[in-house]
Amino acid sequence: MQAENISGKILSLMEENPDITIKEISESLSVSEDLIEETLRKMSDARQKILIVDDEMDALLALKVALEAEGYNIVEAKDGYEAIDTAHSENPDVILLDLMIPGIDGFEVCRQLKSDPVYSHIPVIMLTARGEIDDKVEGIELGADDYVTKPFNLKELKARIKMILRRNQDA
């Protein structure tokens, strides 16, 4: 069963029977109790969710720790295919996307997400060492909401994330 379908099915079962147990939901959907518990935990997390896509573990971990300290719920992906799958299953509030990642590159990830009406609303901040003007223009033309070059100032990046989240909330 696909991850994005489980949440809706769990909610339906809980609406039909408010006293249903995790075990009963698990049996009804033929999935593990652990998966039900994890899905319920994710559904109850009201923090804004940021998907970080980067194959450099040091950069990813440092950014994850810094943003979690700000109260964000962080999910991660290490390549382009995982980025698309995670965006679909997690529906993040914003995506921090490195351009040079394995699988499909960040440009293609952005292109695919921005061309899909279900996910085109998710803001994308390209976060990359590629600082050439042509790369910046291409990223913005593909629909990226911002473009930040590495190395970046963490305080500035946090301000840009807050601005984009605030702008999306007001929309």
N, C-alpha and C. Protein backbone atom coordinates (compact mmCIF):
# COMPACT_ATOMS: atom_id res chain seq x y z
N MET A 1 0.85 -1.18 0.00
CA MET A 1 0.00 0.00 0.00
C MET A 1 0.89 1.24 0.00
N GLN A 2 0.56 2.20 -0.83
CA GLN A 2 1.38 3.41 -0.94
C GLN A 2 1.21 4.28 0.29
N ALA A 3 2.31 4.92 0.69
CA ALA A 3 2.33 5.73 1.92
C ALA A 3 1.31 6.85 1.89
N GLU A 4 1.16 7.52 0.72
CA GLU A 4 0.24 8.65 0.68
C GLU A 4 -1.22 8.22 0.81
N ASN A 5 -1.53 6.96 0.52
CA ASN A 5 -2.91 6.48 0.64
C ASN A 5 -3.26 6.03 2.05
N ILE A 6 -2.27 5.69 2.83
CA ILE A 6 -2.52 5.15 4.17
C ILE A 6 -3.19 6.18 5.07
N SER A 7 -2.71 7.42 5.04
CA SER A 7 -3.27 8.46 5.91
C SER A 7 -4.77 8.60 5.71
N GLY A 8 -5.19 8.70 4.47
CA GLY A 8 -6.61 8.85 4.18
C GLY A 8 -7.43 7.65 4.63
N LYS A 9 -6.88 6.46 4.45
CA LYS A 9 -7.60 5.25 4.85
C LYS A 9 -7.70 5.15 6.37
N ILE A 10 -6.63 5.55 7.06
CA ILE A 10 -6.66 5.56 8.52
C ILE A 10 -7.74 6.52 9.01
N LEU A 11 -7.76 7.72 8.43
CA LEU A 11 -8.78 8.71 8.83
C LEU A 11 -10.19 8.20 8.59
N SER A 12 -10.40 7.55 7.46
CA SER A 12 -11.73 6.99 7.17
C SER A 12 -12.15 5.96 8.21
N LEU A 13 -11.21 5.06 8.55
CA LEU A 13 -11.52 4.05 9.56
C LEU A 13 -11.81 4.69 10.92
N MET A 14 -11.05 5.74 11.26
CA MET A 14 -11.25 6.40 12.56
C MET A 14 -12.57 7.18 12.59
N GLU A 15 -12.99 7.71 11.44
CA GLU A 15 -14.29 8.41 11.37
C GLU A 15 -15.43 7.41 11.53
N GLU A 16 -15.30 6.25 10.90
CA GLU A 16 -16.32 5.21 11.00
C GLU A 16 -16.42 4.66 12.42
N ASN A 17 -15.27 4.51 13.07
CA ASN A 17 -15.24 3.93 14.41
C ASN A 17 -14.21 4.67 15.26
N PRO A 18 -14.64 5.72 15.99
CA PRO A 18 -13.70 6.51 16.79
C PRO A 18 -12.93 5.72 17.85
N ASP A 19 -13.43 4.56 18.23
CA ASP A 19 -12.77 3.75 19.25
C ASP A 19 -11.86 2.67 18.66
N ILE A 20 -11.62 2.71 17.37
CA ILE A 20 -10.81 1.68 16.72
C ILE A 20 -9.37 1.71 17.26
N THR A 21 -8.79 0.55 17.41
CA THR A 21 -7.41 0.46 17.93
C THR A 21 -6.41 0.41 16.78
N ILE A 22 -5.16 0.64 17.12
CA ILE A 22 -4.10 0.56 16.12
C ILE A 22 -4.04 -0.84 15.54
N LYS A 23 -4.22 -1.84 16.40
CA LYS A 23 -4.20 -3.23 15.93
C LYS A 23 -5.32 -3.48 14.92
N GLU A 24 -6.52 -2.97 15.21
CA GLU A 24 -7.64 -3.15 14.29
C GLU A 24 -7.41 -2.43 12.96
N ILE A 25 -6.82 -1.23 13.03
CA ILE A 25 -6.51 -0.50 11.80
C ILE A 25 -5.48 -1.30 10.99
N SER A 26 -4.46 -1.80 11.68
CA SER A 26 -3.41 -2.58 11.05
C SER A 26 -3.99 -3.80 10.32
N GLU A 27 -4.86 -4.51 11.01
CA GLU A 27 -5.47 -5.71 10.42
C GLU A 27 -6.37 -5.33 9.23
N SER A 28 -7.12 -4.26 9.37
CA SER A 28 -8.03 -3.83 8.32
C SER A 28 -7.28 -3.43 7.05
N LEU A 29 -6.13 -2.79 7.20
CA LEU A 29 -5.37 -2.31 6.05
C LEU A 29 -4.27 -3.28 5.61
N SER A 30 -4.10 -4.36 6.37
CA SER A 30 -3.06 -5.37 6.09
C SER A 30 -1.66 -4.77 6.04
N VAL A 31 -1.38 -3.92 7.02
CA VAL A 31 -0.04 -3.35 7.17
C VAL A 31 0.38 -3.49 8.63
N SER A 32 1.65 -3.27 8.91
CA SER A 32 2.14 -3.45 10.27
C SER A 32 1.62 -2.37 11.22
N GLU A 33 1.55 -2.75 12.48
CA GLU A 33 1.17 -1.78 13.52
C GLU A 33 2.19 -0.65 13.59
N ASP A 34 3.46 -0.99 13.37
CA ASP A 34 4.51 0.04 13.39
C ASP A 34 4.25 1.10 12.32
N LEU A 35 3.83 0.67 11.14
CA LEU A 35 3.54 1.63 10.07
C LEU A 35 2.36 2.51 10.44
N ILE A 36 1.35 1.94 11.06
CA ILE A 36 0.18 2.72 11.50
C ILE A 36 0.61 3.74 12.55
N GLU A 37 1.40 3.31 13.53
CA GLU A 37 1.87 4.22 14.58
C GLU A 37 2.69 5.36 13.99
N GLU A 38 3.60 5.04 13.08
CA GLU A 38 4.45 6.06 12.45
C GLU A 38 3.59 7.04 11.64
N THR A 39 2.62 6.53 10.92
CA THR A 39 1.74 7.39 10.11
C THR A 39 0.92 8.30 11.01
N LEU A 40 0.40 7.77 12.10
CA LEU A 40 -0.36 8.60 13.04
C LEU A 40 0.52 9.67 13.68
N ARG A 41 1.75 9.32 13.98
CA ARG A 41 2.68 10.29 14.56
C ARG A 41 2.94 11.43 13.57
N LYS A 42 3.17 11.08 12.32
CA LYS A 42 3.41 12.09 11.29
C LYS A 42 2.17 12.97 11.09
N MET A 43 1.00 12.36 11.14
CA MET A 43 -0.23 13.11 10.93
C MET A 43 -0.48 14.10 12.06
N SER A 44 0.01 13.80 13.25
CA SER A 44 -0.25 14.67 14.39
C SER A 44 0.84 15.73 14.59
N ASP A 45 1.89 15.68 13.76
CA ASP A 45 2.99 16.65 13.87
C ASP A 45 2.60 17.92 13.13
N ALA A 46 2.34 18.99 13.86
CA ALA A 46 1.86 20.25 13.28
C ALA A 46 3.00 21.18 12.86
N ARG A 47 4.25 20.77 13.09
CA ARG A 47 5.37 21.62 12.71
C ARG A 47 5.46 21.74 11.18
N GLN A 48 6.00 22.86 10.73
CA GLN A 48 6.23 23.02 9.30
C GLN A 48 7.32 22.05 8.88
N LYS A 49 7.11 21.42 7.72
CA LYS A 49 8.00 20.36 7.27
C LYS A 49 8.90 20.86 6.14
N ILE A 50 10.19 20.58 6.29
CA ILE A 50 11.17 20.95 5.28
C ILE A 50 11.82 19.67 4.76
N LEU A 51 11.82 19.51 3.44
CA LEU A 51 12.53 18.41 2.80
C LEU A 51 13.90 18.94 2.36
N ILE A 52 14.96 18.33 2.87
CA ILE A 52 16.32 18.69 2.47
C ILE A 52 16.82 17.60 1.52
N VAL A 53 17.22 18.00 0.31
CA VAL A 53 17.73 17.06 -0.68
C VAL A 53 19.20 17.37 -0.91
N ASP A 54 20.06 16.49 -0.43
CA ASP A 54 21.50 16.68 -0.57
C ASP A 54 22.17 15.34 -0.38
N ASP A 55 23.16 15.03 -1.21
CA ASP A 55 23.87 13.76 -1.08
C ASP A 55 25.12 13.88 -0.21
N GLU A 56 25.47 15.09 0.20
CA GLU A 56 26.62 15.29 1.08
C GLU A 56 26.13 15.20 2.53
N MET A 57 26.45 14.09 3.17
CA MET A 57 25.92 13.82 4.51
C MET A 57 26.31 14.89 5.53
N ASP A 58 27.53 15.43 5.46
CA ASP A 58 27.94 16.46 6.42
C ASP A 58 27.05 17.70 6.30
N ALA A 59 26.83 18.13 5.07
CA ALA A 59 26.00 19.31 4.84
C ALA A 59 24.55 19.04 5.26
N LEU A 60 24.06 17.88 4.90
CA LEU A 60 22.68 17.53 5.22
C LEU A 60 22.47 17.47 6.74
N LEU A 61 23.37 16.82 7.43
CA LEU A 61 23.22 16.66 8.88
C LEU A 61 23.31 18.01 9.60
N ALA A 62 24.27 18.84 9.22
CA ALA A 62 24.42 20.14 9.86
C ALA A 62 23.18 21.01 9.65
N LEU A 63 22.68 21.02 8.44
CA LEU A 63 21.48 21.80 8.14
C LEU A 63 20.26 21.24 8.86
N LYS A 64 20.15 19.93 8.90
CA LYS A 64 19.04 19.28 9.59
C LYS A 64 19.03 19.66 11.07
N VAL A 65 20.17 19.57 11.72
CA VAL A 65 20.26 19.90 13.15
C VAL A 65 19.89 21.37 13.39
N ALA A 66 20.42 22.26 12.55
CA ALA A 66 20.15 23.69 12.72
C ALA A 66 18.67 24.01 12.54
N LEU A 67 18.03 23.38 11.55
CA LEU A 67 16.61 23.67 11.30
C LEU A 67 15.70 22.98 12.31
N GLU A 68 16.07 21.81 12.78
CA GLU A 68 15.29 21.16 13.84
C GLU A 68 15.33 22.01 15.11
N ALA A 69 16.47 22.65 15.37
CA ALA A 69 16.59 23.53 16.54
C ALA A 69 15.65 24.73 16.42
N GLU A 70 15.26 25.08 15.20
CA GLU A 70 14.31 26.18 14.97
C GLU A 70 12.86 25.70 15.07
N GLY A 71 12.68 24.39 15.28
CA GLY A 71 11.33 23.85 15.45
C GLY A 71 10.70 23.26 14.20
N TYR A 72 11.49 23.10 13.13
CA TYR A 72 10.95 22.51 11.91
C TYR A 72 11.03 20.99 11.97
N ASN A 73 10.12 20.36 11.27
CA ASN A 73 10.13 18.91 11.08
C ASN A 73 10.93 18.66 9.80
N ILE A 74 12.05 17.97 9.91
CA ILE A 74 12.93 17.78 8.77
C ILE A 74 12.83 16.35 8.24
N VAL A 75 12.64 16.26 6.92
CA VAL A 75 12.74 14.98 6.22
C VAL A 75 13.85 15.15 5.19
N GLU A 76 14.43 14.05 4.76
CA GLU A 76 15.58 14.16 3.89
C GLU A 76 15.54 13.17 2.75
N ALA A 77 16.26 13.52 1.70
CA ALA A 77 16.45 12.65 0.54
C ALA A 77 17.87 12.84 0.06
N LYS A 78 18.45 11.77 -0.47
CA LYS A 78 19.86 11.82 -0.87
C LYS A 78 20.07 11.76 -2.38
N ASP A 79 19.01 11.58 -3.15
CA ASP A 79 19.13 11.61 -4.60
C ASP A 79 17.82 12.13 -5.21
N GLY A 80 17.84 12.34 -6.51
CA GLY A 80 16.70 12.93 -7.17
C GLY A 80 15.43 12.09 -7.12
N TYR A 81 15.58 10.79 -7.31
CA TYR A 81 14.41 9.91 -7.28
C TYR A 81 13.78 9.88 -5.89
N GLU A 82 14.63 9.80 -4.87
CA GLU A 82 14.14 9.80 -3.49
C GLU A 82 13.48 11.15 -3.17
N ALA A 83 14.00 12.23 -3.75
CA ALA A 83 13.42 13.55 -3.53
C ALA A 83 11.97 13.60 -4.03
N ILE A 84 11.75 13.08 -5.23
CA ILE A 84 10.39 13.05 -5.80
C ILE A 84 9.47 12.19 -4.93
N ASP A 85 9.92 10.99 -4.58
CA ASP A 85 9.11 10.09 -3.76
C ASP A 85 8.80 10.71 -2.40
N THR A 86 9.80 11.33 -1.77
CA THR A 86 9.60 11.92 -0.44
C THR A 86 8.68 13.13 -0.53
N ALA A 87 8.81 13.93 -1.56
CA ALA A 87 7.89 15.07 -1.74
C ALA A 87 6.45 14.57 -1.87
N HIS A 88 6.26 13.46 -2.58
CA HIS A 88 4.91 12.90 -2.75
C HIS A 88 4.36 12.33 -1.45
N SER A 89 5.20 11.62 -0.70
CA SER A 89 4.69 10.97 0.51
C SER A 89 4.62 11.91 1.71
N GLU A 90 5.49 12.90 1.78
CA GLU A 90 5.57 13.76 2.97
C GLU A 90 4.88 15.12 2.79
N ASN A 91 4.68 15.55 1.54
CA ASN A 91 4.06 16.84 1.24
C ASN A 91 4.68 17.97 2.09
N PRO A 92 5.97 18.24 1.87
CA PRO A 92 6.65 19.25 2.70
C PRO A 92 6.13 20.66 2.44
N ASP A 93 6.41 21.56 3.38
CA ASP A 93 6.03 22.96 3.22
C ASP A 93 7.04 23.71 2.37
N VAL A 94 8.27 23.23 2.33
CA VAL A 94 9.32 23.82 1.50
C VAL A 94 10.38 22.75 1.24
N ILE A 95 11.06 22.88 0.08
CA ILE A 95 12.12 21.94 -0.28
C ILE A 95 13.42 22.71 -0.47
N LEU A 96 14.48 22.25 0.21
CA LEU A 96 15.83 22.77 0.00
C LEU A 96 16.51 21.76 -0.91
N LEU A 97 16.82 22.17 -2.14
CA LEU A 97 17.21 21.23 -3.18
C LEU A 97 18.61 21.52 -3.73
N ASP A 98 19.52 20.58 -3.50
CA ASP A 98 20.84 20.68 -4.11
C ASP A 98 20.69 20.33 -5.59
N LEU A 99 21.49 20.97 -6.44
CA LEU A 99 21.42 20.68 -7.87
C LEU A 99 22.18 19.44 -8.26
N MET A 100 23.35 19.24 -7.65
CA MET A 100 24.22 18.14 -8.05
C MET A 100 24.01 16.95 -7.12
N ILE A 101 23.01 16.15 -7.47
CA ILE A 101 22.65 14.97 -6.69
C ILE A 101 22.59 13.76 -7.62
N PRO A 102 22.78 12.57 -7.09
CA PRO A 102 22.70 11.36 -7.93
C PRO A 102 21.29 11.13 -8.48
N GLY A 103 21.21 10.26 -9.46
CA GLY A 103 19.92 9.95 -10.07
C GLY A 103 19.57 11.06 -11.05
N ILE A 104 18.48 11.72 -10.80
CA ILE A 104 18.14 12.89 -11.61
C ILE A 104 18.59 14.13 -10.85
N ASP A 105 19.10 15.14 -11.58
CA ASP A 105 19.65 16.31 -10.90
C ASP A 105 18.54 17.21 -10.36
N GLY A 106 18.96 18.20 -9.59
CA GLY A 106 18.01 19.11 -8.95
C GLY A 106 17.14 19.87 -9.94
N PHE A 107 17.69 20.22 -11.11
CA PHE A 107 16.88 20.90 -12.12
C PHE A 107 15.71 20.02 -12.53
N GLU A 108 15.98 18.73 -12.77
CA GLU A 108 14.91 17.82 -13.20
C GLU A 108 13.90 17.57 -12.08
N VAL A 109 14.38 17.47 -10.83
CA VAL A 109 13.46 17.32 -9.70
C VAL A 109 12.51 18.52 -9.65
N CYS A 110 13.08 19.71 -9.75
CA CYS A 110 12.27 20.93 -9.73
C CYS A 110 11.28 20.93 -10.89
N ARG A 111 11.75 20.59 -12.09
CA ARG A 111 10.90 20.56 -13.28
C ARG A 111 9.71 19.61 -13.06
N GLN A 112 9.98 18.41 -12.55
CA GLN A 112 8.91 17.44 -12.36
C GLN A 112 7.90 17.91 -11.31
N LEU A 113 8.39 18.44 -10.19
CA LEU A 113 7.48 18.88 -9.13
C LEU A 113 6.66 20.08 -9.58
N LYS A 114 7.29 21.03 -10.22
CA LYS A 114 6.59 22.25 -10.63
C LYS A 114 5.63 22.01 -11.79
N SER A 115 5.81 20.94 -12.54
CA SER A 115 4.89 20.64 -13.65
C SER A 115 3.71 19.78 -13.20
N ASP A 116 3.73 19.31 -11.97
CA ASP A 116 2.64 18.49 -11.43
C ASP A 116 1.72 19.37 -10.60
N PRO A 117 0.46 19.55 -11.00
CA PRO A 117 -0.43 20.46 -10.27
C PRO A 117 -0.63 20.10 -8.80
N VAL A 118 -0.42 18.84 -8.44
CA VAL A 118 -0.58 18.43 -7.04
C VAL A 118 0.56 18.96 -6.18
N TYR A 119 1.75 19.10 -6.76
CA TYR A 119 2.93 19.48 -5.98
C TYR A 119 3.54 20.81 -6.39
N SER A 120 2.99 21.46 -7.39
CA SER A 120 3.59 22.70 -7.90
C SER A 120 3.56 23.84 -6.89
N HIS A 121 2.70 23.74 -5.88
CA HIS A 121 2.61 24.80 -4.87
C HIS A 121 3.76 24.76 -3.85
N ILE A 122 4.48 23.66 -3.79
CA ILE A 122 5.55 23.52 -2.79
C ILE A 122 6.73 24.41 -3.20
N PRO A 123 7.10 25.37 -2.34
CA PRO A 123 8.23 26.22 -2.68
C PRO A 123 9.54 25.43 -2.69
N VAL A 124 10.40 25.78 -3.65
CA VAL A 124 11.70 25.14 -3.79
C VAL A 124 12.79 26.21 -3.66
N ILE A 125 13.73 25.95 -2.76
CA ILE A 125 14.92 26.79 -2.65
C ILE A 125 16.08 25.95 -3.14
N MET A 126 16.66 26.35 -4.25
CA MET A 126 17.84 25.64 -4.75
C MET A 126 19.03 26.06 -3.91
N LEU A 127 19.74 25.08 -3.42
CA LEU A 127 20.84 25.29 -2.48
C LEU A 127 22.04 24.56 -3.06
N THR A 128 22.96 25.29 -3.70
CA THR A 128 23.97 24.62 -4.48
C THR A 128 25.27 25.39 -4.57
N ALA A 129 26.34 24.68 -4.90
CA ALA A 129 27.64 25.31 -5.13
C ALA A 129 27.71 25.95 -6.52
N ARG A 130 26.76 25.63 -7.37
CA ARG A 130 26.75 26.18 -8.73
C ARG A 130 26.19 27.60 -8.71
N GLY A 131 27.09 28.57 -8.77
CA GLY A 131 26.69 29.96 -8.65
C GLY A 131 26.70 30.74 -9.95
N GLU A 132 26.84 30.05 -11.07
CA GLU A 132 26.85 30.74 -12.36
C GLU A 132 25.48 31.34 -12.64
N ILE A 133 25.49 32.50 -13.27
CA ILE A 133 24.24 33.20 -13.57
C ILE A 133 23.31 32.32 -14.40
N ASP A 134 23.84 31.55 -15.37
CA ASP A 134 22.99 30.69 -16.20
C ASP A 134 22.27 29.63 -15.36
N ASP A 135 22.97 29.09 -14.35
CA ASP A 135 22.35 28.10 -13.47
C ASP A 135 21.23 28.74 -12.66
N LYS A 136 21.48 29.95 -12.15
CA LYS A 136 20.46 30.66 -11.37
C LYS A 136 19.24 30.94 -12.22
N VAL A 137 19.46 31.43 -13.43
CA VAL A 137 18.35 31.75 -14.33
C VAL A 137 17.56 30.47 -14.66
N GLU A 138 18.26 29.39 -14.97
CA GLU A 138 17.57 28.14 -15.29
C GLU A 138 16.72 27.67 -14.11
N GLY A 139 17.28 27.72 -12.90
CA GLY A 139 16.54 27.30 -11.71
C GLY A 139 15.28 28.13 -11.51
N ILE A 140 15.40 29.43 -11.64
CA ILE A 140 14.24 30.30 -11.43
C ILE A 140 13.22 30.12 -12.55
N GLU A 141 13.70 29.93 -13.79
CA GLU A 141 12.77 29.70 -14.90
C GLU A 141 12.02 28.37 -14.74
N LEU A 142 12.64 27.40 -14.07
CA LEU A 142 11.97 26.11 -13.82
C LEU A 142 10.94 26.21 -12.70
N GLY A 143 10.95 27.33 -11.97
CA GLY A 143 9.96 27.52 -10.91
C GLY A 143 10.52 27.58 -9.51
N ALA A 144 11.85 27.52 -9.37
CA ALA A 144 12.42 27.64 -8.03
C ALA A 144 12.04 29.00 -7.44
N ASP A 145 11.75 29.00 -6.16
CA ASP A 145 11.33 30.23 -5.48
C ASP A 145 12.52 31.05 -5.01
N ASP A 146 13.67 30.42 -4.88
CA ASP A 146 14.87 31.12 -4.45
C ASP A 146 16.06 30.28 -4.86
N TYR A 147 17.23 30.89 -4.86
CA TYR A 147 18.46 30.22 -5.27
C TYR A 147 19.57 30.71 -4.36
N VAL A 148 20.13 29.81 -3.56
CA VAL A 148 21.15 30.17 -2.59
C VAL A 148 22.42 29.37 -2.91
N THR A 149 23.55 30.07 -3.01
CA THR A 149 24.79 29.37 -3.33
C THR A 149 25.55 28.98 -2.07
N LYS A 150 26.22 27.83 -2.16
CA LYS A 150 27.07 27.34 -1.08
C LYS A 150 28.46 27.93 -1.26
N PRO A 151 29.19 28.22 -0.23
CA PRO A 151 28.74 28.16 1.16
C PRO A 151 27.76 29.30 1.43
N PHE A 152 26.81 29.03 2.30
CA PHE A 152 25.78 30.02 2.59
C PHE A 152 25.86 30.42 4.05
N ASN A 153 25.25 31.55 4.34
CA ASN A 153 25.15 32.03 5.71
C ASN A 153 23.87 31.42 6.29
N LEU A 154 23.99 30.65 7.37
CA LEU A 154 22.85 29.94 7.95
C LEU A 154 21.76 30.91 8.40
N LYS A 155 22.15 32.01 8.98
CA LYS A 155 21.17 33.00 9.44
C LYS A 155 20.36 33.53 8.26
N GLU A 156 21.03 33.80 7.13
CA GLU A 156 20.33 34.29 5.94
C GLU A 156 19.41 33.20 5.38
N LEU A 157 19.89 31.96 5.33
CA LEU A 157 19.06 30.88 4.82
C LEU A 157 17.80 30.71 5.67
N LYS A 158 17.94 30.75 6.99
CA LYS A 158 16.77 30.62 7.87
C LYS A 158 15.78 31.76 7.60
N ALA A 159 16.30 32.96 7.39
CA ALA A 159 15.41 34.10 7.10
C ALA A 159 14.69 33.89 5.77
N ARG A 160 15.39 33.36 4.77
CA ARG A 160 14.76 33.10 3.47
C ARG A 160 13.67 32.03 3.60
N ILE A 161 13.94 30.99 4.38
CA ILE A 161 12.95 29.93 4.60
C ILE A 161 11.71 30.52 5.27
N LYS A 162 11.91 31.31 6.32
CA LYS A 162 10.78 31.93 7.02
C LYS A 162 9.97 32.82 6.09
N MET A 163 10.66 33.60 5.24
CA MET A 163 9.98 34.48 4.31
C MET A 163 9.12 33.68 3.34
N ILE A 164 9.67 32.61 2.79
CA ILE A 164 8.92 31.80 1.83
C ILE A 164 7.74 31.12 2.50
N LEU A 165 7.94 30.59 3.70
CA LEU A 165 6.83 29.94 4.42
C LEU A 165 5.75 30.96 4.77
N ARG A 166 6.15 32.14 5.18
CA ARG A 166 5.19 33.20 5.53
C ARG A 166 4.41 33.60 4.26
N ARG A 167 5.11 33.76 3.16
CA ARG A 167 4.46 34.14 1.90
C ARG A 167 3.46 33.07 1.47
N ASN A 168 3.82 31.80 1.63
CA ASN A 168 2.91 30.71 1.25
C ASN A 168 1.70 30.63 2.17
N GLN A 169 1.90 30.95 3.44
CA GLN A 169 0.79 30.94 4.40
C GLN A 169 -0.24 32.02 4.05
N ASP A 170 0.26 33.17 3.60
CA ASP A 170 -0.62 34.30 3.28
C ASP A 170 -1.35 34.09 1.95
N ALA A 171 -0.83 33.18 1.12
CA ALA A 171 -1.42 32.98 -0.21
C ALA A 171 -2.74 32.25 -0.15
